[in-house]
Amino acid sequence: MTEQPIIRSRGPRLSRKVTGIIILVAAILVVALFVFLLVGGPDEDALPTSLGFSLNSFFVWIGALNPLIQIPIVVVLFAAVVGVILLLIEYAPRPGRGYFWMRLAVCFLIPVLAFMVLRPYQNSVVYVVGIALLAGAILFFADYRAREGAGYVFQLIVFMAPAAILLLIGLIYPAISTFVKSFFDKTGTQFVWFDNYVWTFTNPYGFWSVINTLIWALLAPTIATAIGLVYAAFVDRARGEKFLKLWVFMPVAISFVGAGIIWKFVYDYRQGQQIGLLNAIITWFGGEPVGWLDAQPLINTFCLLAVFIWSQTGFAMVILSAAIKAVPIDQHEAAQLDGASALQRFFNVTIPGIRSSLIVVLTTITIAALKVYDIVAVMTGGRSNSSVLGFEMVNQQQRFQSYGHSSALAVVLFLFVLPLIIYNVVQMRKQKEIR
């Protein structure tokens, strides 16, 4: 007689709604404990409670080593972390009592180690243990109740954890921290409500940063895209097309710092003999040299804007040239047979055919214009009301140590960029639905 396998009952199965409610409540508790941990801060009178090391102490230690020693240590640690992750992914979905206890131990051990390494505050051990236990319980419960079987959710989360952690540490946490700091004074200790935002739109530093940023965002993509589009249309299928495109595309390969240095010599102003190309031409015709980078109002801003347009026109030209070549030739032939002129074919056939590429180029250049820093830093340093949000944000933090003003400028810059991101996402979804 063959032995029948023993089937162990997992007890009454909870519905998906009840399971979701339990996980949601536990997640809310985790977030609450995490907020208390962040706002609590260390207690100097409490006894030290940590693992004896942290990421901060590790970076301090490895920073004091010779670079030739740092490289193999980082490589070995990275390989070890990747090896552990791959090992857990491989063995997570396997059935058996041993693998069950392995998943249970990992669900509780890794969160405890992670929080203790990241936040070894003297009075944070209660919060750390509480967060770790709740996070482990959520992971284990969701994995145990998964319809696909135990180990599926665990495997999925372990696989996604590295990217999610990097996203959390490098993007989400800084964004939230910046938003919170924008409501505090320059020291980050006193709550000042919207004073930093009022400063942004009333103080000359903040006001001109906003005005100049809007000018950059409106003019830079429009002019660069228009010049790139016209040039791409003129040289399309012309003799020496590749050579003609090369000259316009070359500035794209130059960094903004390099472009700023080059054009700083073009705008150079001094008494006596001029070494700046623009002033040399003016004086050669009998005119007086002009301090272009200090000329106000807005003249210096347009001079800086010309550098950015010069460096972005090649990018627009390459993308739009490829899009123009993708427009079906039979559409042009049909329009030509209908008696349409070259200009009419350009506006009625070519432009509608490259609409999606135009949107990509315009939004890409606009976002680059909104966050520009290098050109302003190299050429003017923000003097003479030429600053932009990207530069002034760093200037307020590094030069004046005003974290409140810097954070407010960063939030305003984010609000300027946000509509473009939303518009791009909407357009991508529409194109996906059409396909």
Protein backbone atom coordinates (compact mmCIF):
# COMPACT_ATOMS: atom_id res chain seq x y z
CA MET A 1 0.00 0.00 0.00
CA THR A 2 1.37 3.38 -0.98
CA GLU A 3 1.65 5.99 1.72
CA GLN A 4 -0.72 8.91 1.24
CA PRO A 5 0.77 12.39 1.67
CA ILE A 6 -0.29 14.24 4.78
CA ILE A 7 -2.10 17.45 3.94
CA ARG A 8 -1.83 20.05 6.66
CA SER A 9 -4.69 22.49 6.87
CA ARG A 10 -3.76 26.17 7.09
CA GLY A 11 -6.94 26.91 8.96
CA PRO A 12 -9.80 29.09 7.83
CA ARG A 13 -8.58 31.35 5.04
CA LEU A 14 -9.21 35.05 5.45
CA SER A 15 -10.85 36.94 2.65
CA ARG A 16 -8.81 39.35 0.56
CA LYS A 17 -10.68 42.30 2.07
CA VAL A 18 -9.86 41.28 5.66
CA THR A 19 -6.26 40.55 4.70
CA GLY A 20 -5.95 43.95 3.07
CA ILE A 21 -7.39 45.71 6.12
CA ILE A 22 -4.95 43.94 8.45
CA ILE A 23 -1.98 44.86 6.24
CA LEU A 24 -3.21 48.46 5.91
CA VAL A 25 -3.56 48.92 9.68
CA ALA A 26 -0.09 47.46 10.28
CA ALA A 27 1.37 49.69 7.56
CA ILE A 28 -0.19 52.78 9.16
CA LEU A 29 1.37 51.82 12.48
CA VAL A 30 4.75 51.42 10.79
CA VAL A 31 4.49 54.87 9.22
CA ALA A 32 3.42 56.40 12.55
CA LEU A 33 6.37 54.83 14.37
CA PHE A 34 8.71 55.96 11.61
CA VAL A 35 7.45 59.55 11.90
CA PHE A 36 7.92 59.48 15.67
CA LEU A 37 11.44 58.15 15.11
CA LEU A 38 12.31 60.99 12.73
CA VAL A 39 10.90 63.81 14.83
CA GLY A 40 12.04 62.39 18.16
CA GLY A 41 15.78 62.84 17.77
CA PRO A 42 18.43 61.42 20.06
CA ASP A 43 18.29 61.64 23.84
CA GLU A 44 21.70 62.54 25.19
CA ASP A 45 20.89 61.14 28.65
CA ALA A 46 19.88 57.71 27.38
CA LEU A 47 22.31 54.81 27.36
CA PRO A 48 23.82 53.98 23.95
CA THR A 49 21.75 51.30 22.24
CA SER A 50 22.97 50.22 18.82
CA LEU A 51 24.84 47.48 17.03
CA GLY A 52 28.12 49.30 17.62
CA PHE A 53 28.36 50.47 14.01
CA SER A 54 26.30 52.29 11.39
CA LEU A 55 26.48 53.23 7.75
CA ASN A 56 27.88 56.60 8.78
CA SER A 57 30.72 55.01 10.77
CA PHE A 58 31.36 52.60 7.90
CA PHE A 59 31.70 55.45 5.38
CA VAL A 60 33.97 57.35 7.76
CA TRP A 61 36.15 54.27 8.18
CA ILE A 62 36.36 53.42 4.50
CA GLY A 63 36.93 57.07 3.60
CA ALA A 64 40.14 57.08 5.62
CA LEU A 65 41.57 54.14 3.65
CA ASN A 66 43.70 54.22 0.54
CA PRO A 67 41.60 54.29 -2.66
CA LEU A 68 43.29 51.10 -3.85
CA ILE A 69 41.98 49.38 -0.71
CA GLN A 70 38.53 50.99 -0.89
CA ILE A 71 37.75 49.54 -4.33
CA PRO A 72 38.08 45.82 -3.47
CA ILE A 73 36.22 46.30 -0.17
CA VAL A 74 33.26 47.95 -1.91
CA VAL A 75 33.27 45.31 -4.66
CA VAL A 76 33.32 42.44 -2.14
CA LEU A 77 30.51 43.97 -0.05
CA PHE A 78 28.42 44.61 -3.15
CA ALA A 79 28.96 41.03 -4.34
CA ALA A 80 28.02 39.72 -0.89
CA VAL A 81 24.77 41.69 -0.81
CA VAL A 82 23.87 40.59 -4.34
CA GLY A 83 24.71 36.98 -3.44
CA VAL A 84 22.45 37.03 -0.37
CA ILE A 85 19.59 38.55 -2.39
CA LEU A 86 19.92 35.96 -5.15
CA LEU A 87 20.11 33.18 -2.56
CA LEU A 88 16.91 34.33 -0.89
CA ILE A 89 15.16 34.70 -4.24
CA GLU A 90 16.18 31.18 -5.22
CA TYR A 91 15.12 29.43 -2.00
CA ALA A 92 12.14 31.59 -0.98
CA PRO A 93 9.33 29.82 -2.86
CA ARG A 94 10.45 26.28 -1.97
CA PRO A 95 8.09 24.30 0.26
CA GLY A 96 9.20 22.71 3.50
CA ARG A 97 9.55 23.41 7.19
CA GLY A 98 13.16 24.62 6.89
CA TYR A 99 12.34 27.14 4.19
CA PHE A 100 9.32 28.28 6.22
CA TRP A 101 11.53 29.11 9.20
CA MET A 102 14.08 30.75 6.89
CA ARG A 103 11.43 33.11 5.51
CA LEU A 104 10.15 33.83 9.01
CA ALA A 105 13.63 34.64 10.32
CA VAL A 106 14.48 36.86 7.36
CA CYS A 107 11.18 38.76 7.64
CA PHE A 108 12.10 39.88 11.17
CA LEU A 109 15.90 39.87 11.17
CA ILE A 110 16.61 42.02 8.10
CA PRO A 111 14.34 44.94 9.14
CA VAL A 112 15.92 45.02 12.63
CA LEU A 113 19.45 45.06 11.22
CA ALA A 114 18.54 47.65 8.59
CA PHE A 115 16.98 50.10 11.05
CA MET A 116 19.70 49.66 13.65
CA VAL A 117 22.40 50.29 11.03
CA LEU A 118 20.63 53.30 9.53
CA ARG A 119 19.43 54.98 12.73
CA PRO A 120 21.45 54.05 15.85
CA TYR A 121 19.90 56.72 18.06
CA GLN A 122 20.36 56.26 21.78
CA ASN A 123 16.63 56.30 22.52
CA SER A 124 15.37 54.80 19.25
CA VAL A 125 15.65 51.11 20.04
CA VAL A 126 11.95 50.85 20.95
CA TYR A 127 10.89 52.49 17.69
CA VAL A 128 13.37 50.39 15.71
CA VAL A 129 12.21 47.11 17.18
CA GLY A 130 8.56 48.11 16.80
CA ILE A 131 8.99 49.11 13.16
CA ALA A 132 11.00 45.98 12.41
CA LEU A 133 8.48 43.65 14.05
CA LEU A 134 5.53 45.26 12.29
CA ALA A 135 7.32 45.36 8.93
CA GLY A 136 8.36 41.71 9.31
CA ALA A 137 4.85 40.72 10.37
CA ILE A 138 3.35 42.48 7.33
CA LEU A 139 5.77 40.76 4.97
CA PHE A 140 5.30 37.33 6.52
CA PHE A 141 1.51 37.61 6.75
CA ALA A 142 1.15 38.85 3.16
CA ASP A 143 3.47 36.11 1.94
CA TYR A 144 1.74 33.36 3.94
CA ARG A 145 -1.70 34.40 2.67
CA ALA A 146 -0.68 34.90 -0.97
CA ARG A 147 -2.86 33.10 -3.49
CA GLU A 148 0.21 32.08 -5.47
CA GLY A 149 1.55 30.22 -2.44
CA ALA A 150 3.96 30.87 0.39
CA GLY A 151 7.23 32.38 -0.81
CA TYR A 152 5.82 34.24 -3.81
CA VAL A 153 5.38 37.66 -2.15
CA PHE A 154 8.63 37.16 -0.22
CA GLN A 155 10.52 36.49 -3.44
CA LEU A 156 8.90 39.48 -5.15
CA ILE A 157 9.73 41.89 -2.32
CA VAL A 158 13.32 40.68 -1.95
CA PHE A 159 13.81 41.11 -5.69
CA MET A 160 12.39 44.67 -5.66
CA ALA A 161 13.89 45.74 -2.31
CA PRO A 162 17.29 47.10 -3.54
CA ALA A 163 15.74 49.39 -6.16
CA ALA A 164 12.94 50.43 -3.78
CA ILE A 165 15.40 51.24 -0.99
CA LEU A 166 17.60 53.31 -3.29
CA LEU A 167 14.53 55.14 -4.56
CA LEU A 168 13.36 55.76 -1.01
CA ILE A 169 16.73 56.99 0.25
CA GLY A 170 17.76 58.91 -2.85
CA LEU A 171 14.46 60.47 -3.96
CA ILE A 172 11.42 60.09 -1.73
CA TYR A 173 13.03 60.85 1.64
CA PRO A 174 14.99 63.90 0.34
CA ALA A 175 11.84 65.24 -1.34
CA ILE A 176 9.79 64.96 1.84
CA SER A 177 12.62 66.37 3.95
CA THR A 178 13.04 69.33 1.58
CA PHE A 179 9.32 70.10 1.68
CA VAL A 180 9.28 70.00 5.50
CA LYS A 181 12.40 72.19 5.80
CA SER A 182 10.84 74.82 3.54
CA PHE A 183 8.57 75.76 6.47
CA PHE A 184 11.45 76.28 8.92
CA ASP A 185 13.95 79.09 9.34
CA LYS A 186 17.53 78.99 8.04
CA THR A 187 18.68 76.95 11.02
CA GLY A 188 15.87 74.41 10.66
CA THR A 189 14.72 74.84 14.27
CA GLN A 190 11.90 77.41 14.19
CA PHE A 191 8.66 76.90 12.27
CA VAL A 192 8.00 80.00 10.13
CA TRP A 193 4.97 78.88 8.08
CA PHE A 194 5.11 80.40 4.56
CA ASP A 195 7.77 83.05 5.22
CA ASN A 196 10.32 81.31 3.00
CA TYR A 197 7.87 81.26 0.10
CA VAL A 198 7.06 84.94 0.65
CA TRP A 199 10.81 85.61 0.57
CA THR A 200 11.08 83.68 -2.71
CA PHE A 201 8.69 86.07 -4.49
CA THR A 202 9.61 89.32 -2.75
CA ASN A 203 13.37 89.26 -2.06
CA PRO A 204 15.49 90.31 -5.08
CA TYR A 205 17.48 87.04 -4.97
CA GLY A 206 14.38 84.88 -5.05
CA PHE A 207 12.27 87.15 -7.27
CA TRP A 208 14.80 87.41 -10.09
CA SER A 209 15.51 83.70 -9.83
CA VAL A 210 11.85 82.96 -10.50
CA ILE A 211 11.55 85.53 -13.32
CA ASN A 212 14.72 84.36 -15.05
CA THR A 213 13.72 80.71 -14.70
CA LEU A 214 10.37 81.41 -16.37
CA ILE A 215 12.16 83.26 -19.18
CA TRP A 216 14.51 80.33 -19.66
CA ALA A 217 11.61 77.84 -19.62
CA LEU A 218 9.60 79.82 -22.20
CA LEU A 219 12.27 80.98 -24.63
CA ALA A 220 14.95 78.27 -24.54
CA PRO A 221 12.85 75.32 -25.74
CA THR A 222 10.91 77.44 -28.22
CA ILE A 223 13.94 78.99 -29.92
CA ALA A 224 16.16 75.87 -29.78
CA THR A 225 13.40 73.65 -31.16
CA ALA A 226 12.45 76.14 -33.89
CA ILE A 227 16.05 76.54 -35.09
CA GLY A 228 16.64 72.79 -34.91
CA LEU A 229 13.44 72.04 -36.82
CA VAL A 230 14.11 74.56 -39.58
CA TYR A 231 17.71 73.41 -39.97
CA ALA A 232 16.68 69.73 -40.02
CA ALA A 233 14.07 70.47 -42.71
CA PHE A 234 16.55 72.42 -44.89
CA VAL A 235 19.37 69.88 -44.78
CA ASP A 236 17.07 66.85 -45.12
CA ARG A 237 18.37 64.74 -48.03
CA ALA A 238 20.71 67.55 -49.06
CA ARG A 239 24.21 66.99 -50.39
CA GLY A 240 26.64 66.75 -47.47
CA GLU A 241 23.79 66.27 -44.99
CA LYS A 242 25.91 64.40 -42.44
CA PHE A 243 28.66 67.03 -42.55
CA LEU A 244 26.16 69.88 -42.15
CA LYS A 245 24.48 68.18 -39.19
CA LEU A 246 27.82 67.52 -37.53
CA TRP A 247 28.61 71.22 -37.15
CA VAL A 248 25.32 71.93 -35.41
CA PHE A 249 25.46 68.83 -33.23
CA MET A 250 29.01 69.39 -31.94
CA PRO A 251 28.00 71.79 -29.10
CA VAL A 252 25.80 69.03 -27.62
CA ALA A 253 28.97 67.08 -26.79
CA ILE A 254 30.34 70.04 -24.81
CA SER A 255 29.39 70.22 -21.13
CA PHE A 256 27.58 73.29 -19.81
CA VAL A 257 30.71 74.20 -17.86
CA GLY A 258 32.82 74.05 -21.01
CA ALA A 259 30.22 76.00 -22.99
CA GLY A 260 30.09 78.62 -20.24
CA ILE A 261 33.87 79.08 -20.31
CA ILE A 262 33.91 79.37 -24.11
CA TRP A 263 31.14 81.97 -24.21
CA LYS A 264 32.58 83.84 -21.25
CA PHE A 265 35.51 84.73 -23.50
CA VAL A 266 33.06 85.77 -26.24
CA TYR A 267 31.33 88.19 -23.83
CA ASP A 268 34.52 89.31 -22.09
CA TYR A 269 34.65 93.02 -21.17
CA ARG A 270 37.64 95.05 -20.02
CA GLN A 271 39.23 98.45 -20.39
CA GLY A 272 41.69 98.88 -23.20
CA GLN A 273 42.29 96.14 -25.73
CA GLN A 274 39.40 93.71 -25.91
CA ILE A 275 39.93 89.94 -25.95
CA GLY A 276 36.19 89.18 -26.05
CA LEU A 277 35.05 88.44 -29.59
CA LEU A 278 31.79 90.39 -29.32
CA ASN A 279 33.35 93.54 -27.86
CA ALA A 280 36.29 93.29 -30.26
CA ILE A 281 33.84 93.47 -33.18
CA ILE A 282 32.00 96.42 -31.58
CA THR A 283 35.17 98.41 -30.94
CA TRP A 284 36.47 97.58 -34.42
CA PHE A 285 33.43 99.38 -35.83
CA GLY A 286 34.06 102.33 -33.49
CA GLY A 287 31.60 101.47 -30.71
CA GLU A 288 32.14 101.28 -26.98
CA PRO A 289 32.63 97.88 -25.29
CA VAL A 290 29.71 96.54 -23.31
CA GLY A 291 29.75 94.53 -20.10
CA TRP A 292 27.33 91.95 -21.44
CA LEU A 293 27.24 89.75 -18.36
CA ASP A 294 26.44 92.71 -16.10
CA ALA A 295 24.04 94.55 -18.41
CA GLN A 296 20.55 95.01 -16.96
CA PRO A 297 17.65 94.55 -17.09
CA LEU A 298 17.57 91.02 -18.52
CA ILE A 299 20.30 91.60 -21.13
CA ASN A 300 22.71 89.38 -19.23
CA THR A 301 19.96 86.76 -18.89
CA PHE A 302 19.50 86.69 -22.67
CA CYS A 303 23.27 86.37 -23.07
CA LEU A 304 23.28 83.31 -20.84
CA LEU A 305 20.20 82.00 -22.60
CA ALA A 306 22.03 82.17 -25.94
CA VAL A 307 24.66 79.76 -24.59
CA PHE A 308 22.01 77.24 -23.58
CA ILE A 309 20.20 77.52 -26.93
CA TRP A 310 23.53 77.05 -28.73
CA SER A 311 24.14 73.81 -26.83
CA GLN A 312 20.59 72.42 -27.24
CA THR A 313 19.85 73.23 -30.88
CA GLY A 314 21.86 70.24 -32.06
CA PHE A 315 19.87 67.90 -29.84
CA ALA A 316 16.59 69.21 -31.26
CA MET A 317 17.95 68.99 -34.80
CA VAL A 318 18.99 65.33 -34.51
CA ILE A 319 15.71 64.13 -32.98
CA LEU A 320 13.52 66.10 -35.38
CA SER A 321 15.60 65.14 -38.41
CA ALA A 322 15.03 61.46 -37.63
CA ALA A 323 11.31 62.16 -37.17
CA ILE A 324 11.09 64.01 -40.50
CA LYS A 325 12.65 61.05 -42.30
CA ALA A 326 10.00 58.79 -40.75
CA VAL A 327 7.13 60.77 -42.31
CA PRO A 328 5.81 58.67 -45.24
CA ILE A 329 6.95 60.07 -48.56
CA ASP A 330 3.61 59.27 -50.19
CA GLN A 331 1.92 61.89 -47.99
CA HIS A 332 4.24 64.56 -49.42
CA GLU A 333 3.65 63.31 -52.95
CA ALA A 334 -0.12 63.36 -52.45
CA ALA A 335 0.00 66.92 -51.12
CA GLN A 336 2.25 67.97 -54.01
CA LEU A 337 -0.22 66.50 -56.52
CA ASP A 338 -2.96 68.53 -54.83
CA GLY A 339 -0.98 71.67 -55.58
CA ALA A 340 0.42 72.32 -52.08
CA SER A 341 3.57 74.42 -51.94
CA ALA A 342 6.70 73.38 -50.03
CA LEU A 343 5.74 75.64 -47.14
CA GLN A 344 2.22 74.25 -47.05
CA ARG A 345 3.55 70.68 -47.09
CA PHE A 346 5.86 71.54 -44.23
CA PHE A 347 3.09 72.91 -41.99
CA ASN A 348 0.29 70.54 -43.02
CA VAL A 349 2.19 67.27 -43.54
CA THR A 350 5.57 67.37 -41.82
CA ILE A 351 4.60 69.13 -38.58
CA PRO A 352 1.57 66.87 -37.83
CA GLY A 353 3.68 63.83 -38.66
CA ILE A 354 6.38 64.70 -36.11
CA ARG A 355 4.08 66.01 -33.36
CA SER A 356 5.10 63.39 -30.80
CA SER A 357 8.80 64.08 -31.41
CA LEU A 358 8.20 67.81 -31.08
CA ILE A 359 6.57 67.26 -27.70
CA VAL A 360 9.48 65.14 -26.50
CA VAL A 361 12.05 67.71 -27.61
CA LEU A 362 10.15 70.67 -26.16
CA THR A 363 9.55 69.06 -22.77
CA THR A 364 13.10 67.70 -22.53
CA ILE A 365 14.69 71.07 -23.26
CA THR A 366 12.23 72.83 -20.95
CA ILE A 367 13.10 70.57 -18.03
CA ALA A 368 16.81 71.08 -18.74
CA ALA A 369 16.25 74.86 -18.81
CA LEU A 370 14.36 74.80 -15.51
CA LYS A 371 17.16 73.03 -13.65
CA VAL A 372 20.12 74.78 -15.32
CA TYR A 373 22.96 75.56 -12.94
CA ASP A 374 26.36 75.26 -14.60
CA ILE A 375 26.07 78.09 -17.12
CA VAL A 376 25.01 80.64 -14.52
CA ALA A 377 27.59 79.46 -11.98
CA VAL A 378 30.48 79.64 -14.45
CA MET A 379 29.60 82.85 -16.29
CA THR A 380 28.07 85.22 -13.71
CA GLY A 381 27.82 83.47 -10.37
CA GLY A 382 24.28 84.83 -10.15
CA ARG A 383 25.36 88.46 -9.97
CA SER A 384 23.49 91.36 -11.56
CA ASN A 385 20.09 89.66 -11.21
CA SER A 386 21.06 86.79 -13.53
CA SER A 387 20.39 83.96 -11.08
CA VAL A 388 17.95 81.10 -11.71
CA LEU A 389 16.22 78.75 -9.30
CA GLY A 390 18.66 75.90 -9.84
CA PHE A 391 21.63 78.11 -9.01
CA GLU A 392 20.04 80.18 -6.24
CA MET A 393 18.87 77.03 -4.46
CA VAL A 394 22.49 75.87 -4.12
CA ASN A 395 23.73 79.41 -3.45
CA GLN A 396 21.40 79.90 -0.49
CA GLN A 397 22.48 76.61 1.03
CA GLN A 398 26.23 76.74 0.40
CA ARG A 399 26.94 80.46 0.68
CA PHE A 400 24.36 81.68 3.20
CA GLN A 401 23.65 78.39 5.02
CA SER A 402 19.94 79.18 4.68
CA TYR A 403 18.33 75.77 4.42
CA GLY A 404 14.80 77.16 4.67
CA HIS A 405 15.20 79.48 1.68
CA SER A 406 17.01 76.80 -0.28
CA SER A 407 14.26 74.26 0.38
CA ALA A 408 11.53 76.73 -0.61
CA LEU A 409 13.32 77.44 -3.90
CA ALA A 410 13.61 73.70 -4.51
CA VAL A 411 9.88 73.21 -3.93
CA VAL A 412 9.03 76.06 -6.31
CA LEU A 413 11.33 74.53 -8.92
CA PHE A 414 9.60 71.17 -8.44
CA LEU A 415 6.20 72.79 -8.95
CA PHE A 416 7.45 74.27 -12.23
CA VAL A 417 8.68 70.88 -13.46
CA LEU A 418 5.68 68.86 -12.23
CA PRO A 419 3.20 69.91 -14.98
CA LEU A 420 5.69 68.88 -17.66
CA ILE A 421 6.15 65.47 -16.06
CA ILE A 422 2.39 64.94 -15.80
CA TYR A 423 1.90 66.03 -19.41
CA ASN A 424 4.59 63.60 -20.60
CA VAL A 425 3.02 60.73 -18.67
CA VAL A 426 -0.42 61.49 -20.11
CA GLN A 427 0.98 61.63 -23.66
CA MET A 428 2.85 58.35 -23.19
CA ARG A 429 -0.33 56.66 -21.99
CA LYS A 430 -2.28 57.96 -24.97
CA GLN A 431 0.37 56.66 -27.37
CA LYS A 432 0.36 53.30 -25.60
CA GLU A 433 -3.44 53.05 -25.97
CA ILE A 434 -3.21 53.89 -29.67
CA ARG A 435 -0.57 51.20 -30.23
